[in-house]
Amino acid sequence: MSAPGAGRVVIRFASAHPVGATGIVALEDYARELTRAQAAEAILAEGEAERLVGVALEAPRVAPQGDVLEDIEAFARGLAERSGLGLGWS
């Protein structure tokens, strides 16, 4: 992993999470804010538009490791569990 604030960091989830389009945007926003990254982009399973397999962060100022990494994946899992029911908090 690069030093915080430098380059692109890719996080791969332990398993794919089925999430709709609004969930994908929510995960990107959450990961970007949590790590203070310049940008975040969801990584989707090849050929499956709504199965999250990770997220790429541009120049995160907070390293996505330990509790931060666990929090990002837990957020993705939570979105998948609520998929189809709306986000519940928006």
C-alpha atoms as a PDB file:
ATOM      1  CA  MET A   1       0.000   0.000   0.000  1.00  0.00           C
ATOM      2  CA  SER A   2       1.218   3.501  -0.764  1.00  0.00           C
ATOM      3  CA  ALA A   3       1.730   6.136   1.900  1.00  0.00           C
ATOM      4  CA  PRO A   4      -1.448   8.026   2.825  1.00  0.00           C
ATOM      5  CA  GLY A   5      -2.204  10.786   0.325  1.00  0.00           C
ATOM      6  CA  ALA A   6      -0.208   9.178  -2.477  1.00  0.00           C
ATOM      7  CA  GLY A   7      -1.575   7.340  -5.484  1.00  0.00           C
ATOM      8  CA  ARG A   8      -4.372   4.872  -6.004  1.00  0.00           C
ATOM      9  CA  VAL A   9      -5.222   2.238  -3.386  1.00  0.00           C
ATOM     10  CA  VAL A  10      -7.398  -0.726  -4.338  1.00  0.00           C
ATOM     11  CA  ILE A  11      -9.391  -2.603  -1.711  1.00  0.00           C
ATOM     12  CA  ARG A  12     -10.724  -6.057  -2.614  1.00  0.00           C
ATOM     13  CA  PHE A  13     -13.576  -7.438  -0.529  1.00  0.00           C
ATOM     14  CA  ALA A  14     -13.513 -10.989   0.862  1.00  0.00           C
ATOM     15  CA  SER A  15     -16.686 -11.738  -1.120  1.00  0.00           C
ATOM     16  CA  ALA A  16     -18.869 -10.004  -3.693  1.00  0.00           C
ATOM     17  CA  HIS A  17     -21.819  -7.973  -2.420  1.00  0.00           C
ATOM     18  CA  PRO A  18     -25.008  -7.574  -4.516  1.00  0.00           C
ATOM     19  CA  VAL A  19     -25.861  -3.867  -4.335  1.00  0.00           C
ATOM     20  CA  GLY A  20     -28.008  -1.629  -6.551  1.00  0.00           C
ATOM     21  CA  ALA A  21     -26.907   1.591  -8.212  1.00  0.00           C
ATOM     22  CA  THR A  22     -27.766   3.784  -5.216  1.00  0.00           C
ATOM     23  CA  GLY A  23     -25.794   1.472  -2.938  1.00  0.00           C
ATOM     24  CA  ILE A  24     -22.777   1.720  -5.215  1.00  0.00           C
ATOM     25  CA  VAL A  25     -22.852   5.510  -4.997  1.00  0.00           C
ATOM     26  CA  ALA A  26     -23.343   5.330  -1.219  1.00  0.00           C
ATOM     27  CA  LEU A  27     -20.311   3.047  -0.828  1.00  0.00           C
ATOM     28  CA  GLU A  28     -18.157   5.340  -2.958  1.00  0.00           C
ATOM     29  CA  ASP A  29     -19.186   8.356  -0.884  1.00  0.00           C
ATOM     30  CA  TYR A  30     -18.697   6.516   2.400  1.00  0.00           C
ATOM     31  CA  ALA A  31     -15.242   5.163   1.528  1.00  0.00           C
ATOM     32  CA  ARG A  32     -14.130   8.540   0.168  1.00  0.00           C
ATOM     33  CA  GLU A  33     -15.239  10.410   3.294  1.00  0.00           C
ATOM     34  CA  LEU A  34     -13.920   7.790   5.719  1.00  0.00           C
ATOM     35  CA  THR A  35     -10.447   7.795   4.156  1.00  0.00           C
ATOM     36  CA  ARG A  36     -10.459  11.456   3.084  1.00  0.00           C
ATOM     37  CA  ALA A  37      -9.625  10.298  -0.442  1.00  0.00           C
ATOM     38  CA  GLN A  38      -9.812  12.627  -3.430  1.00  0.00           C
ATOM     39  CA  ALA A  39     -12.134  10.154  -5.160  1.00  0.00           C
ATOM     40  CA  ALA A  40     -13.515   6.645  -4.826  1.00  0.00           C
ATOM     41  CA  GLU A  41     -14.736   4.233  -7.474  1.00  0.00           C
ATOM     42  CA  ALA A  42     -16.596   0.992  -6.847  1.00  0.00           C
ATOM     43  CA  ILE A  43     -15.087  -2.102  -8.425  1.00  0.00           C
ATOM     44  CA  LEU A  44     -17.731  -4.390  -9.854  1.00  0.00           C
ATOM     45  CA  ALA A  45     -17.496  -8.066 -10.771  1.00  0.00           C
ATOM     46  CA  GLU A  46     -16.736  -8.448 -14.449  1.00  0.00           C
ATOM     47  CA  GLY A  47     -19.984  -8.754 -16.370  1.00  0.00           C
ATOM     48  CA  GLU A  48     -22.118  -8.174 -13.262  1.00  0.00           C
ATOM     49  CA  ALA A  49     -23.135  -4.521 -12.991  1.00  0.00           C
ATOM     50  CA  GLU A  50     -24.357  -4.680  -9.402  1.00  0.00           C
ATOM     51  CA  ARG A  51     -21.935  -7.013  -7.583  1.00  0.00           C
ATOM     52  CA  LEU A  52     -19.348  -5.092  -5.614  1.00  0.00           C
ATOM     53  CA  VAL A  53     -15.969  -6.736  -5.289  1.00  0.00           C
ATOM     54  CA  GLY A  54     -14.043  -3.733  -3.989  1.00  0.00           C
ATOM     55  CA  VAL A  55     -13.368  -0.024  -4.140  1.00  0.00           C
ATOM     56  CA  ALA A  56     -10.487   2.037  -5.522  1.00  0.00           C
ATOM     57  CA  LEU A  57      -9.422   5.170  -3.648  1.00  0.00           C
ATOM     58  CA  GLU A  58      -7.481   8.079  -5.111  1.00  0.00           C
ATOM     59  CA  ALA A  59      -4.905   9.573  -2.743  1.00  0.00           C
ATOM     60  CA  PRO A  60      -6.512   8.570   0.588  1.00  0.00           C
ATOM     61  CA  ARG A  61      -5.221  10.626   3.505  1.00  0.00           C
ATOM     62  CA  VAL A  62      -6.342   7.951   5.992  1.00  0.00           C
ATOM     63  CA  ALA A  63      -4.878   4.519   5.226  1.00  0.00           C
ATOM     64  CA  PRO A  64      -7.618   1.950   4.537  1.00  0.00           C
ATOM     65  CA  GLN A  65      -6.335  -0.711   6.911  1.00  0.00           C
ATOM     66  CA  GLY A  66      -7.373  -2.223  10.227  1.00  0.00           C
ATOM     67  CA  ASP A  67     -10.648  -0.820  11.560  1.00  0.00           C
ATOM     68  CA  VAL A  68     -11.056   1.535   8.587  1.00  0.00           C
ATOM     69  CA  LEU A  69     -10.807  -1.347   6.121  1.00  0.00           C
ATOM     70  CA  GLU A  70     -13.203  -3.458   8.178  1.00  0.00           C
ATOM     71  CA  ASP A  71     -15.655  -0.548   8.359  1.00  0.00           C
ATOM     72  CA  ILE A  72     -15.708  -0.094   4.574  1.00  0.00           C
ATOM     73  CA  GLU A  73     -16.436  -3.773   3.952  1.00  0.00           C
ATOM     74  CA  ALA A  74     -19.037  -3.863   6.756  1.00  0.00           C
ATOM     75  CA  PHE A  75     -20.769  -0.907   5.095  1.00  0.00           C
ATOM     76  CA  ALA A  76     -20.813  -2.805   1.770  1.00  0.00           C
ATOM     77  CA  ARG A  77     -22.218  -5.905   3.511  1.00  0.00           C
ATOM     78  CA  GLY A  78     -24.904  -3.799   5.170  1.00  0.00           C
ATOM     79  CA  LEU A  79     -25.906  -2.301   1.835  1.00  0.00           C
ATOM     80  CA  ALA A  80     -26.182  -5.777   0.333  1.00  0.00           C
ATOM     81  CA  GLU A  81     -28.367  -6.956   3.225  1.00  0.00           C
ATOM     82  CA  ARG A  82     -30.731  -4.027   2.682  1.00  0.00           C
ATOM     83  CA  SER A  83     -30.638  -4.258  -1.128  1.00  0.00           C
ATOM     84  CA  GLY A  84     -34.091  -3.719  -2.546  1.00  0.00           C
ATOM     85  CA  LEU A  85     -35.394  -2.133   0.640  1.00  0.00           C
ATOM     86  CA  GLY A  86     -33.904   1.306  -0.001  1.00  0.00           C
ATOM     87  CA  LEU A  87     -30.963   2.577   1.971  1.00  0.00           C
ATOM     88  CA  GLY A  88     -32.954   3.147   5.118  1.00  0.00           C
ATOM     89  CA  TRP A  89     -30.977   6.212   6.128  1.00  0.00           C
ATOM     90  CA  SER A  90     -31.351   8.456   3.111  1.00  0.00           C
END
